[in-house]
């Protein structure tokens, strides 16, 4: 996951790094929680992609799933 690691490094170097790293960690859960992502045949890669972002990314994914379930996302 070189791309993801590099994005985190770049985000950490920006002003207000907490905001930017949160965005980098939050984009995969946002997209992967979308029901349309399941039609892309990436099911086996989802856990790997989420774990690349660490526990924060996994937590955000769970939150996105719940928000989508209740129609809030």
Foldseek 3Di string as FASTA:
>chain_A
DVVLVVQLVVLCPDPPSVVSLCVSLQPLLLVCLDPVVVVVPCVVCSVVVQCVSPPSSVVNNVVNNVCVVVVND
